[in-house]
PDB file of N, CA and C in Angstrom:
ATOM      1  N   MET A   1      82.938 -55.976 -45.606  1.00  0.00           N
ATOM      2  CA  MET A   1      81.726 -56.678 -44.659  1.00  0.00           C
ATOM      3  C   MET A   1      81.583 -55.625 -43.842  1.00  0.00           C
ATOM      4  N   SER A   2      80.441 -55.306 -43.561  1.00  0.00           N
ATOM      5  CA  SER A   2      79.791 -54.255 -42.563  1.00  0.00           C
ATOM      6  C   SER A   2      80.459 -54.208 -41.107  1.00  0.00           C
ATOM      7  N   GLU A   3      80.559 -53.080 -40.608  1.00  0.00           N
ATOM      8  CA  GLU A   3      81.008 -53.113 -39.075  1.00  0.00           C
ATOM      9  C   GLU A   3      80.265 -54.352 -38.238  1.00  0.00           C
ATOM     10  N   THR A   4      78.884 -54.181 -38.123  1.00  0.00           N
ATOM     11  CA  THR A   4      78.080 -54.865 -37.527  1.00  0.00           C
ATOM     12  C   THR A   4      78.127 -56.232 -37.937  1.00  0.00           C
ATOM     13  N   ALA A   5      78.430 -56.610 -39.174  1.00  0.00           N
ATOM     14  CA  ALA A   5      78.441 -58.059 -39.485  1.00  0.00           C
ATOM     15  C   ALA A   5      79.860 -58.664 -39.178  1.00  0.00           C
ATOM     16  N   ARG A   6      80.767 -58.023 -38.899  1.00  0.00           N
ATOM     17  CA  ARG A   6      82.305 -58.288 -38.272  1.00  0.00           C
ATOM     18  C   ARG A   6      81.803 -58.624 -36.746  1.00  0.00           C
ATOM     19  N   ARG A   7      81.082 -58.327 -36.280  1.00  0.00           N
ATOM     20  CA  ARG A   7      81.200 -58.054 -34.881  1.00  0.00           C
ATOM     21  C   ARG A   7      80.148 -59.326 -34.246  1.00  0.00           C
ATOM     22  N   GLU A   8      78.919 -59.684 -35.039  1.00  0.00           N
ATOM     23  CA  GLU A   8      78.236 -60.880 -34.766  1.00  0.00           C
ATOM     24  C   GLU A   8      78.567 -62.149 -35.692  1.00  0.00           C
ATOM     25  N   PRO A   9      78.148 -63.214 -34.880  1.00  0.00           N
ATOM     26  CA  PRO A   9      78.505 -64.406 -35.819  1.00  0.00           C
ATOM     27  C   PRO A   9      77.329 -64.708 -36.630  1.00  0.00           C
ATOM     28  N   MET A  10      77.699 -64.924 -37.987  1.00  0.00           N
ATOM     29  CA  MET A  10      77.004 -65.481 -39.044  1.00  0.00           C
ATOM     30  C   MET A  10      75.984 -66.252 -38.911  1.00  0.00           C
ATOM     31  N   GLN A  11      74.947 -66.359 -39.379  1.00  0.00           N
ATOM     32  CA  GLN A  11      73.966 -67.325 -39.857  1.00  0.00           C
ATOM     33  C   GLN A  11      73.720 -67.459 -40.860  1.00  0.00           C
ATOM     34  N   ARG A  12      73.097 -68.654 -41.563  1.00  0.00           N
ATOM     35  CA  ARG A  12      72.694 -68.807 -42.916  1.00  0.00           C
ATOM     36  C   ARG A  12      71.264 -68.846 -42.851  1.00  0.00           C
ATOM     37  N   LYS A  13      70.877 -68.155 -43.983  1.00  0.00           N
ATOM     38  CA  LYS A  13      69.531 -67.604 -43.879  1.00  0.00           C
ATOM     39  C   LYS A  13      69.008 -67.863 -45.651  1.00  0.00           C
ATOM     40  N   PRO A  14      68.174 -68.944 -46.093  1.00  0.00           N
ATOM     41  CA  PRO A  14      67.890 -69.124 -47.599  1.00  0.00           C
ATOM     42  C   PRO A  14      67.019 -67.998 -47.929  1.00  0.00           C
ATOM     43  N   ILE A  15      67.097 -67.413 -49.017  1.00  0.00           N
ATOM     44  CA  ILE A  15      66.139 -66.377 -49.482  1.00  0.00           C
ATOM     45  C   ILE A  15      65.491 -66.878 -50.713  1.00  0.00           C
ATOM     46  N   LEU A  16      64.366 -66.249 -50.820  1.00  0.00           N
ATOM     47  CA  LEU A  16      63.901 -66.295 -52.166  1.00  0.00           C
ATOM     48  C   LEU A  16      63.698 -65.524 -53.229  1.00  0.00           C
ATOM     49  N   MET A  17      64.357 -65.151 -54.280  1.00  0.00           N
ATOM     50  CA  MET A  17      64.477 -64.103 -55.203  1.00  0.00           C
ATOM     51  C   MET A  17      64.374 -64.716 -56.468  1.00  0.00           C
ATOM     52  N   PRO A  18      63.235 -63.715 -57.679  1.00  0.00           N
ATOM     53  CA  PRO A  18      63.217 -63.906 -58.537  1.00  0.00           C
ATOM     54  C   PRO A  18      64.560 -64.168 -59.643  1.00  0.00           C
ATOM     55  N   PRO A  19      64.716 -64.563 -60.743  1.00  0.00           N
ATOM     56  CA  PRO A  19      66.036 -64.683 -61.347  1.00  0.00           C
ATOM     57  C   PRO A  19      66.471 -63.635 -61.678  1.00  0.00           C
ATOM     58  N   SER A  20      65.479 -62.597 -62.249  1.00  0.00           N
ATOM     59  CA  SER A  20      66.487 -61.229 -62.842  1.00  0.00           C
ATOM     60  C   SER A  20      66.892 -60.703 -61.320  1.00  0.00           C
ATOM     61  N   MET A  21      66.620 -60.533 -60.348  1.00  0.00           N
ATOM     62  CA  MET A  21      66.831 -59.993 -59.022  1.00  0.00           C
ATOM     63  C   MET A  21      68.424 -60.341 -58.735  1.00  0.00           C
ATOM     64  N   ILE A  22      68.341 -62.191 -58.957  1.00  0.00           N
ATOM     65  CA  ILE A  22      69.692 -62.740 -58.841  1.00  0.00           C
ATOM     66  C   ILE A  22      70.728 -62.412 -59.463  1.00  0.00           C
ATOM     67  N   LYS A  23      70.486 -62.150 -60.808  1.00  0.00           N
ATOM     68  CA  LYS A  23      71.132 -61.640 -62.045  1.00  0.00           C
ATOM     69  C   LYS A  23      71.775 -60.056 -61.444  1.00  0.00           C
ATOM     70  N   ARG A  24      70.879 -59.461 -61.177  1.00  0.00           N
ATOM     71  CA  ARG A  24      71.320 -57.837 -60.669  1.00  0.00           C
ATOM     72  C   ARG A  24      72.355 -58.088 -59.361  1.00  0.00           C
ATOM     73  N   VAL A  25      72.028 -59.020 -58.657  1.00  0.00           N
ATOM     74  CA  VAL A  25      72.799 -58.824 -57.124  1.00  0.00           C
ATOM     75  C   VAL A  25      74.376 -59.631 -57.648  1.00  0.00           C
ATOM     76  N   ASP A  26      74.103 -60.611 -58.570  1.00  0.00           N
ATOM     77  CA  ASP A  26      75.376 -61.308 -58.960  1.00  0.00           C
ATOM     78  C   ASP A  26      76.275 -60.296 -59.871  1.00  0.00           C
ATOM     79  N   SER A  27      75.503 -59.356 -60.246  1.00  0.00           N
ATOM     80  CA  SER A  27      76.320 -58.348 -61.024  1.00  0.00           C
ATOM     81  C   SER A  27      76.825 -57.404 -60.496  1.00  0.00           C
ATOM     82  N   ILE A  28      76.017 -56.905 -59.197  1.00  0.00           N
ATOM     83  CA  ILE A  28      76.778 -55.662 -58.121  1.00  0.00           C
ATOM     84  C   ILE A  28      77.540 -56.407 -57.539  1.00  0.00           C
ATOM     85  N   ALA A  29      77.882 -57.607 -57.192  1.00  0.00           N
ATOM     86  CA  ALA A  29      78.650 -58.531 -56.243  1.00  0.00           C
ATOM     87  C   ALA A  29      80.057 -58.379 -57.229  1.00  0.00           C
ATOM     88  N   LYS A  30      80.018 -58.832 -58.419  1.00  0.00           N
ATOM     89  CA  LYS A  30      81.278 -58.774 -59.199  1.00  0.00           C
ATOM     90  C   LYS A  30      81.787 -57.540 -59.329  1.00  0.00           C
ATOM     91  N   SER A  31      81.053 -56.467 -59.807  1.00  0.00           N
ATOM     92  CA  SER A  31      81.441 -55.470 -60.289  1.00  0.00           C
ATOM     93  C   SER A  31      82.290 -54.812 -58.725  1.00  0.00           C
ATOM     94  N   LYS A  32      81.524 -54.832 -57.744  1.00  0.00           N
ATOM     95  CA  LYS A  32      82.410 -54.548 -56.300  1.00  0.00           C
ATOM     96  C   LYS A  32      83.314 -55.248 -55.929  1.00  0.00           C
ATOM     97  N   HIS A  33      83.444 -56.549 -56.464  1.00  0.00           N
ATOM     98  CA  HIS A  33      84.490 -57.689 -56.009  1.00  0.00           C
ATOM     99  C   HIS A  33      83.989 -57.928 -54.437  1.00  0.00           C
ATOM    100  N   VAL A  34      82.993 -58.369 -54.463  1.00  0.00           N
ATOM    101  CA  VAL A  34      82.454 -58.845 -52.967  1.00  0.00           C
ATOM    102  C   VAL A  34      81.301 -59.963 -53.380  1.00  0.00           C
ATOM    103  N   SER A  35      80.880 -60.432 -52.215  1.00  0.00           N
ATOM    104  CA  SER A  35      80.256 -61.673 -52.225  1.00  0.00           C
ATOM    105  C   SER A  35      78.505 -61.468 -52.465  1.00  0.00           C
ATOM    106  N   PHE A  36      77.892 -62.289 -52.783  1.00  0.00           N
ATOM    107  CA  PHE A  36      76.441 -61.911 -52.846  1.00  0.00           C
ATOM    108  C   PHE A  36      75.937 -61.783 -51.447  1.00  0.00           C
ATOM    109  N   ALA A  37      76.165 -62.206 -50.654  1.00  0.00           N
ATOM    110  CA  ALA A  37      75.712 -61.897 -48.973  1.00  0.00           C
ATOM    111  C   ALA A  37      76.107 -60.611 -48.780  1.00  0.00           C
ATOM    112  N   GLU A  38      77.427 -60.252 -49.261  1.00  0.00           N
ATOM    113  CA  GLU A  38      77.870 -58.656 -48.594  1.00  0.00           C
ATOM    114  C   GLU A  38      76.763 -57.673 -49.444  1.00  0.00           C
ATOM    115  N   VAL A  39      76.696 -57.951 -50.650  1.00  0.00           N
ATOM    116  CA  VAL A  39      75.734 -57.337 -51.375  1.00  0.00           C
ATOM    117  C   VAL A  39      74.480 -57.028 -50.515  1.00  0.00           C
ATOM    118  N   VAL A  40      73.960 -58.277 -50.082  1.00  0.00           N
ATOM    119  CA  VAL A  40      72.533 -58.201 -49.441  1.00  0.00           C
ATOM    120  C   VAL A  40      72.727 -57.581 -48.106  1.00  0.00           C
ATOM    121  N   ARG A  41      73.678 -57.912 -47.364  1.00  0.00           N
ATOM    122  CA  ARG A  41      74.206 -57.211 -46.247  1.00  0.00           C
ATOM    123  C   ARG A  41      74.030 -55.430 -46.070  1.00  0.00           C
ATOM    124  N   GLU A  42      74.879 -55.202 -47.371  1.00  0.00           N
ATOM    125  CA  GLU A  42      74.972 -53.539 -47.370  1.00  0.00           C
ATOM    126  C   GLU A  42      73.345 -53.036 -47.924  1.00  0.00           C
ATOM    127  N   ALA A  43      72.489 -53.731 -48.450  1.00  0.00           N
ATOM    128  CA  ALA A  43      71.196 -53.234 -49.014  1.00  0.00           C
ATOM    129  C   ALA A  43      70.357 -53.204 -47.635  1.00  0.00           C
ATOM    130  N   VAL A  44      70.661 -54.227 -46.769  1.00  0.00           N
ATOM    131  CA  VAL A  44      69.966 -54.005 -45.721  1.00  0.00           C
ATOM    132  C   VAL A  44      70.173 -53.063 -44.926  1.00  0.00           C
ATOM    133  N   ASN A  45      71.610 -52.787 -44.551  1.00  0.00           N
ATOM    134  CA  ASN A  45      72.228 -51.693 -43.877  1.00  0.00           C
ATOM    135  C   ASN A  45      71.698 -50.226 -44.461  1.00  0.00           C
ATOM    136  N   ALA A  46      71.577 -50.187 -45.837  1.00  0.00           N
ATOM    137  CA  ALA A  46      71.109 -49.147 -46.394  1.00  0.00           C
ATOM    138  C   ALA A  46      69.554 -48.685 -46.087  1.00  0.00           C
ATOM    139  N   PHE A  47      68.778 -49.336 -45.627  1.00  0.00           N
ATOM    140  CA  PHE A  47      67.505 -49.204 -44.722  1.00  0.00           C
ATOM    141  C   PHE A  47      67.497 -48.437 -43.755  1.00  0.00           C
ATOM    142  N   GLY A  48      68.514 -48.711 -42.681  1.00  0.00           N
ATOM    143  CA  GLY A  48      68.463 -47.973 -41.465  1.00  0.00           C
ATOM    144  C   GLY A  48      67.492 -48.317 -40.687  1.00  0.00           C
ATOM    145  N   ASP A  49      67.469 -47.780 -39.553  1.00  0.00           N
ATOM    146  CA  ASP A  49      66.558 -48.017 -38.523  1.00  0.00           C
ATOM    147  C   ASP A  49      65.245 -47.079 -38.908  1.00  0.00           C
ATOM    148  N   LYS A  50      65.449 -45.698 -39.280  1.00  0.00           N
ATOM    149  CA  LYS A  50      64.533 -45.021 -39.625  1.00  0.00           C
ATOM    150  C   LYS A  50      64.609 -43.991 -40.794  1.00  0.00           C
ATOM    151  N   PRO A  51      63.786 -43.549 -41.329  1.00  0.00           N
ATOM    152  CA  PRO A  51      63.958 -42.817 -42.802  1.00  0.00           C
ATOM    153  C   PRO A  51      64.727 -41.713 -42.419  1.00  0.00           C
ATOM    154  N   ALA A  52      65.655 -41.328 -42.938  1.00  0.00           N
ATOM    155  CA  ALA A  52      66.501 -40.000 -43.150  1.00  0.00           C
ATOM    156  C   ALA A  52      65.538 -38.992 -43.402  1.00  0.00           C
ATOM    157  N   ALA A  53      65.857 -37.709 -42.576  1.00  0.00           N
ATOM    158  CA  ALA A  53      65.177 -36.208 -43.001  1.00  0.00           C
ATOM    159  C   ALA A  53      64.935 -36.233 -44.402  1.00  0.00           C
ATOM    160  N   GLU A  54      66.029 -36.240 -45.323  1.00  0.00           N
ATOM    161  CA  GLU A  54      66.109 -36.019 -46.751  1.00  0.00           C
ATOM    162  C   GLU A  54      64.710 -36.969 -47.507  1.00  0.00           C
ATOM    163  N   ASP A  55      64.446 -38.498 -46.770  1.00  0.00           N
ATOM    164  CA  ASP A  55      63.514 -39.519 -47.227  1.00  0.00           C
ATOM    165  C   ASP A  55      62.258 -38.906 -46.940  1.00  0.00           C
ATOM    166  N   GLU A  56      62.016 -38.254 -45.545  1.00  0.00           N
ATOM    167  CA  GLU A  56      60.787 -37.653 -45.169  1.00  0.00           C
ATOM    168  C   GLU A  56      60.383 -36.631 -45.913  1.00  0.00           C
ATOM    169  N   ALA A  57      61.080 -35.649 -46.294  1.00  0.00           N
ATOM    170  CA  ALA A  57      60.906 -34.492 -47.012  1.00  0.00           C
ATOM    171  C   ALA A  57      60.506 -34.969 -48.683  1.00  0.00           C
ATOM    172  N   ILE A  58      61.192 -36.138 -49.124  1.00  0.00           N
ATOM    173  CA  ILE A  58      60.940 -36.383 -50.404  1.00  0.00           C
ATOM    174  C   ILE A  58      59.307 -37.292 -50.406  1.00  0.00           C
ATOM    175  N   LEU A  59      59.143 -37.927 -49.429  1.00  0.00           N
ATOM    176  CA  LEU A  59      57.839 -38.608 -49.088  1.00  0.00           C
ATOM    177  C   LEU A  59      56.848 -37.419 -49.011  1.00  0.00           C
ATOM    178  N   GLU A  60      56.941 -36.279 -48.175  1.00  0.00           N
ATOM    179  CA  GLU A  60      55.839 -35.514 -48.051  1.00  0.00           C
ATOM    180  C   GLU A  60      55.704 -34.766 -49.405  1.00  0.00           C
ATOM    181  N   ALA A  61      56.663 -34.417 -49.982  1.00  0.00           N
ATOM    182  CA  ALA A  61      56.612 -33.553 -51.338  1.00  0.00           C
ATOM    183  C   ALA A  61      55.954 -34.646 -52.225  1.00  0.00           C
ATOM    184  N   LEU A  62      55.761 -35.775 -52.289  1.00  0.00           N
ATOM    185  CA  LEU A  62      55.416 -36.708 -52.797  1.00  0.00           C
ATOM    186  C   LEU A  62      53.786 -36.934 -52.843  1.00  0.00           C
ATOM    187  N   ALA A  63      53.286 -36.750 -51.467  1.00  0.00           N
ATOM    188  CA  ALA A  63      52.380 -36.977 -50.912  1.00  0.00           C
ATOM    189  C   ALA A  63      51.367 -35.333 -51.313  1.00  0.00           C
ATOM    190  N   GLU A  64      52.079 -34.332 -51.065  1.00  0.00           N
ATOM    191  CA  GLU A  64      51.155 -33.307 -51.551  1.00  0.00           C
ATOM    192  C   GLU A  64      50.994 -33.341 -53.001  1.00  0.00           C
ATOM    193  N   THR A  65      51.936 -33.783 -53.872  1.00  0.00           N
ATOM    194  CA  THR A  65      51.663 -33.881 -55.212  1.00  0.00           C
ATOM    195  C   THR A  65      50.539 -34.777 -55.432  1.00  0.00           C
ATOM    196  N   MET A  66      50.461 -35.678 -55.035  1.00  0.00           N
ATOM    197  CA  MET A  66      49.775 -36.692 -55.209  1.00  0.00           C
ATOM    198  C   MET A  66      48.209 -36.233 -54.675  1.00  0.00           C
ATOM    199  N   ILE A  67      48.052 -35.527 -53.612  1.00  0.00           N
ATOM    200  CA  ILE A  67      47.093 -35.050 -53.153  1.00  0.00           C
ATOM    201  C   ILE A  67      46.576 -33.708 -54.283  1.00  0.00           C
ATOM    202  N   ARG A  68      47.592 -33.036 -54.801  1.00  0.00           N
ATOM    203  CA  ARG A  68      47.190 -32.011 -55.463  1.00  0.00           C
ATOM    204  C   ARG A  68      46.368 -32.476 -56.650  1.00  0.00           C
ATOM    205  N   THR A  69      47.416 -33.292 -57.518  1.00  0.00           N
ATOM    206  CA  THR A  69      47.097 -33.743 -58.770  1.00  0.00           C
ATOM    207  C   THR A  69      45.579 -34.740 -58.732  1.00  0.00           C
ATOM    208  N   THR A  70      45.252 -35.043 -57.510  1.00  0.00           N
ATOM    209  CA  THR A  70      44.239 -36.098 -57.354  1.00  0.00           C
ATOM    210  C   THR A  70      42.779 -35.110 -57.367  1.00  0.00           C
ATOM    211  N   HIS A  71      43.289 -33.908 -56.784  1.00  0.00           N
ATOM    212  CA  HIS A  71      41.942 -32.984 -56.499  1.00  0.00           C
ATOM    213  C   HIS A  71      41.756 -32.264 -57.954  1.00  0.00           C
ATOM    214  N   ASP A  72      43.051 -32.232 -58.880  1.00  0.00           N
ATOM    215  CA  ASP A  72      43.071 -31.550 -60.618  1.00  0.00           C
ATOM    216  C   ASP A  72      41.818 -32.624 -60.894  1.00  0.00           C
ATOM    217  N   LEU A  73      42.381 -33.916 -60.909  1.00  0.00           N
ATOM    218  CA  LEU A  73      41.738 -34.882 -61.835  1.00  0.00           C
ATOM    219  C   LEU A  73      40.510 -34.739 -61.376  1.00  0.00           C
ATOM    220  N   ILE A  74      39.838 -35.030 -60.390  1.00  0.00           N
ATOM    221  CA  ILE A  74      38.436 -34.786 -59.794  1.00  0.00           C
ATOM    222  C   ILE A  74      37.505 -33.691 -60.480  1.00  0.00           C
ATOM    223  N   GLU A  75      38.340 -32.345 -60.428  1.00  0.00           N
ATOM    224  CA  GLU A  75      37.605 -31.076 -60.798  1.00  0.00           C
ATOM    225  C   GLU A  75      37.692 -31.679 -62.547  1.00  0.00           C
ATOM    226  N   LYS A  76      38.650 -32.139 -63.044  1.00  0.00           N
ATOM    227  CA  LYS A  76      38.410 -32.300 -64.735  1.00  0.00           C
ATOM    228  C   LYS A  76      37.563 -33.248 -64.707  1.00  0.00           C
ATOM    229  N   MET A  77      37.193 -34.297 -63.735  1.00  0.00           N
ATOM    230  CA  MET A  77      36.378 -35.293 -64.166  1.00  0.00           C
ATOM    231  C   MET A  77      34.900 -34.992 -64.209  1.00  0.00           C
ATOM    232  N   ASP A  78      34.640 -34.059 -63.067  1.00  0.00           N
ATOM    233  CA  ASP A  78      33.375 -33.071 -62.991  1.00  0.00           C
ATOM    234  C   ASP A  78      33.055 -32.627 -64.083  1.00  0.00           C
ATOM    235  N   THR A  79      33.914 -31.446 -64.559  1.00  0.00           N
ATOM    236  CA  THR A  79      33.585 -30.756 -65.793  1.00  0.00           C
ATOM    237  C   THR A  79      33.269 -31.519 -66.932  1.00  0.00           C
ATOM    238  N   ILE A  80      34.095 -32.778 -67.033  1.00  0.00           N
ATOM    239  CA  ILE A  80      33.596 -33.719 -68.188  1.00  0.00           C
ATOM    240  C   ILE A  80      32.396 -34.418 -68.147  1.00  0.00           C
ATOM    241  N   GLU A  81      32.084 -34.778 -66.862  1.00  0.00           N
ATOM    242  CA  GLU A  81      30.740 -35.449 -66.780  1.00  0.00           C
ATOM    243  C   GLU A  81      29.650 -34.584 -66.862  1.00  0.00           C
ATOM    244  N   LYS A  82      29.694 -33.192 -66.528  1.00  0.00           N
ATOM    245  CA  LYS A  82      29.056 -31.968 -67.207  1.00  0.00           C
ATOM    246  C   LYS A  82      28.292 -31.844 -68.129  1.00  0.00           C
ATOM    247  N   ARG A  83      29.627 -32.152 -69.514  1.00  0.00           N
ATOM    248  CA  ARG A  83      29.668 -32.257 -70.495  1.00  0.00           C
ATOM    249  C   ARG A  83      29.083 -33.155 -71.232  1.00  0.00           C
ATOM    250  N   LEU A  84      29.238 -34.328 -70.409  1.00  0.00           N
ATOM    251  CA  LEU A  84      28.547 -35.451 -71.343  1.00  0.00           C
ATOM    252  C   LEU A  84      27.037 -35.269 -70.829  1.00  0.00           C
ATOM    253  N   ASN A  85      26.942 -35.144 -69.662  1.00  0.00           N
ATOM    254  CA  ASN A  85      25.118 -34.861 -69.232  1.00  0.00           C
ATOM    255  C   ASN A  85      24.406 -34.145 -70.089  1.00  0.00           C
ATOM    256  N   ALA A  86      25.300 -32.800 -70.604  1.00  0.00           N
ATOM    257  CA  ALA A  86      24.532 -32.004 -71.544  1.00  0.00           C
ATOM    258  C   ALA A  86      24.671 -32.396 -72.961  1.00  0.00           C
ATOM    259  N   THR A  87      25.533 -32.793 -73.145  1.00  0.00           N
ATOM    260  CA  THR A  87      25.305 -33.700 -74.629  1.00  0.00           C
ATOM    261  C   THR A  87      23.938 -34.856 -74.739  1.00  0.00           C
ATOM    262  N   HIS A  88      24.368 -35.791 -73.476  1.00  0.00           N
ATOM    263  CA  HIS A  88      22.784 -36.715 -73.706  1.00  0.00           C
ATOM    264  C   HIS A  88      21.850 -35.911 -73.700  1.00  0.00           C
ATOM    265  N   ALA A  89      21.624 -34.772 -72.977  1.00  0.00           N
ATOM    266  CA  ALA A  89      20.378 -34.284 -72.856  1.00  0.00           C
ATOM    267  C   ALA A  89      20.085 -33.857 -74.223  1.00  0.00           C
ATOM    268  N   LEU A  90      21.037 -33.047 -74.942  1.00  0.00           N
ATOM    269  CA  LEU A  90      20.629 -32.427 -76.216  1.00  0.00           C
ATOM    270  C   LEU A  90      20.549 -33.870 -77.210  1.00  0.00           C
ATOM    271  N   LEU A  91      21.010 -34.934 -77.171  1.00  0.00           N
ATOM    272  CA  LEU A  91      20.620 -35.927 -78.016  1.00  0.00           C
ATOM    273  C   LEU A  91      19.372 -36.453 -77.495  1.00  0.00           C
ATOM    274  N   GLU A  92      18.855 -36.555 -76.560  1.00  0.00           N
ATOM    275  CA  GLU A  92      17.666 -37.096 -76.046  1.00  0.00           C
ATOM    276  C   GLU A  92      16.458 -36.277 -76.500  1.00  0.00           C
ATOM    277  N   ALA A  93      16.767 -35.011 -76.522  1.00  0.00           N
ATOM    278  CA  ALA A  93      15.798 -33.869 -76.624  1.00  0.00           C
ATOM    279  C   ALA A  93      15.684 -34.074 -78.561  1.00  0.00           C
ATOM    280  N   GLN A  94      16.255 -34.701 -79.225  1.00  0.00           N
ATOM    281  CA  GLN A  94      16.271 -34.896 -80.763  1.00  0.00           C
ATOM    282  C   GLN A  94      15.203 -35.801 -81.157  1.00  0.00           C
TER     283      GLN A  94
END
């Protein structure tokens, strides 16, 4: 059990999960020899209060990659649009 959980009184809180997620949590709990609730507590603690520096760097790299690929895609779509317009003009001229 986490240190925070040991210091505070426990409260019951029903949660809703899809069956596939329940199976995953049950499997994790069984393999670690802990309760379902402990797996949930560990998952919550893994989020932390703020993102780690590594997480921020990964998100920044992801954002930069998405921006770059979006610009590349727009350029390619513009090229295709020009070619389609030229093809339509040729077909209309016939």
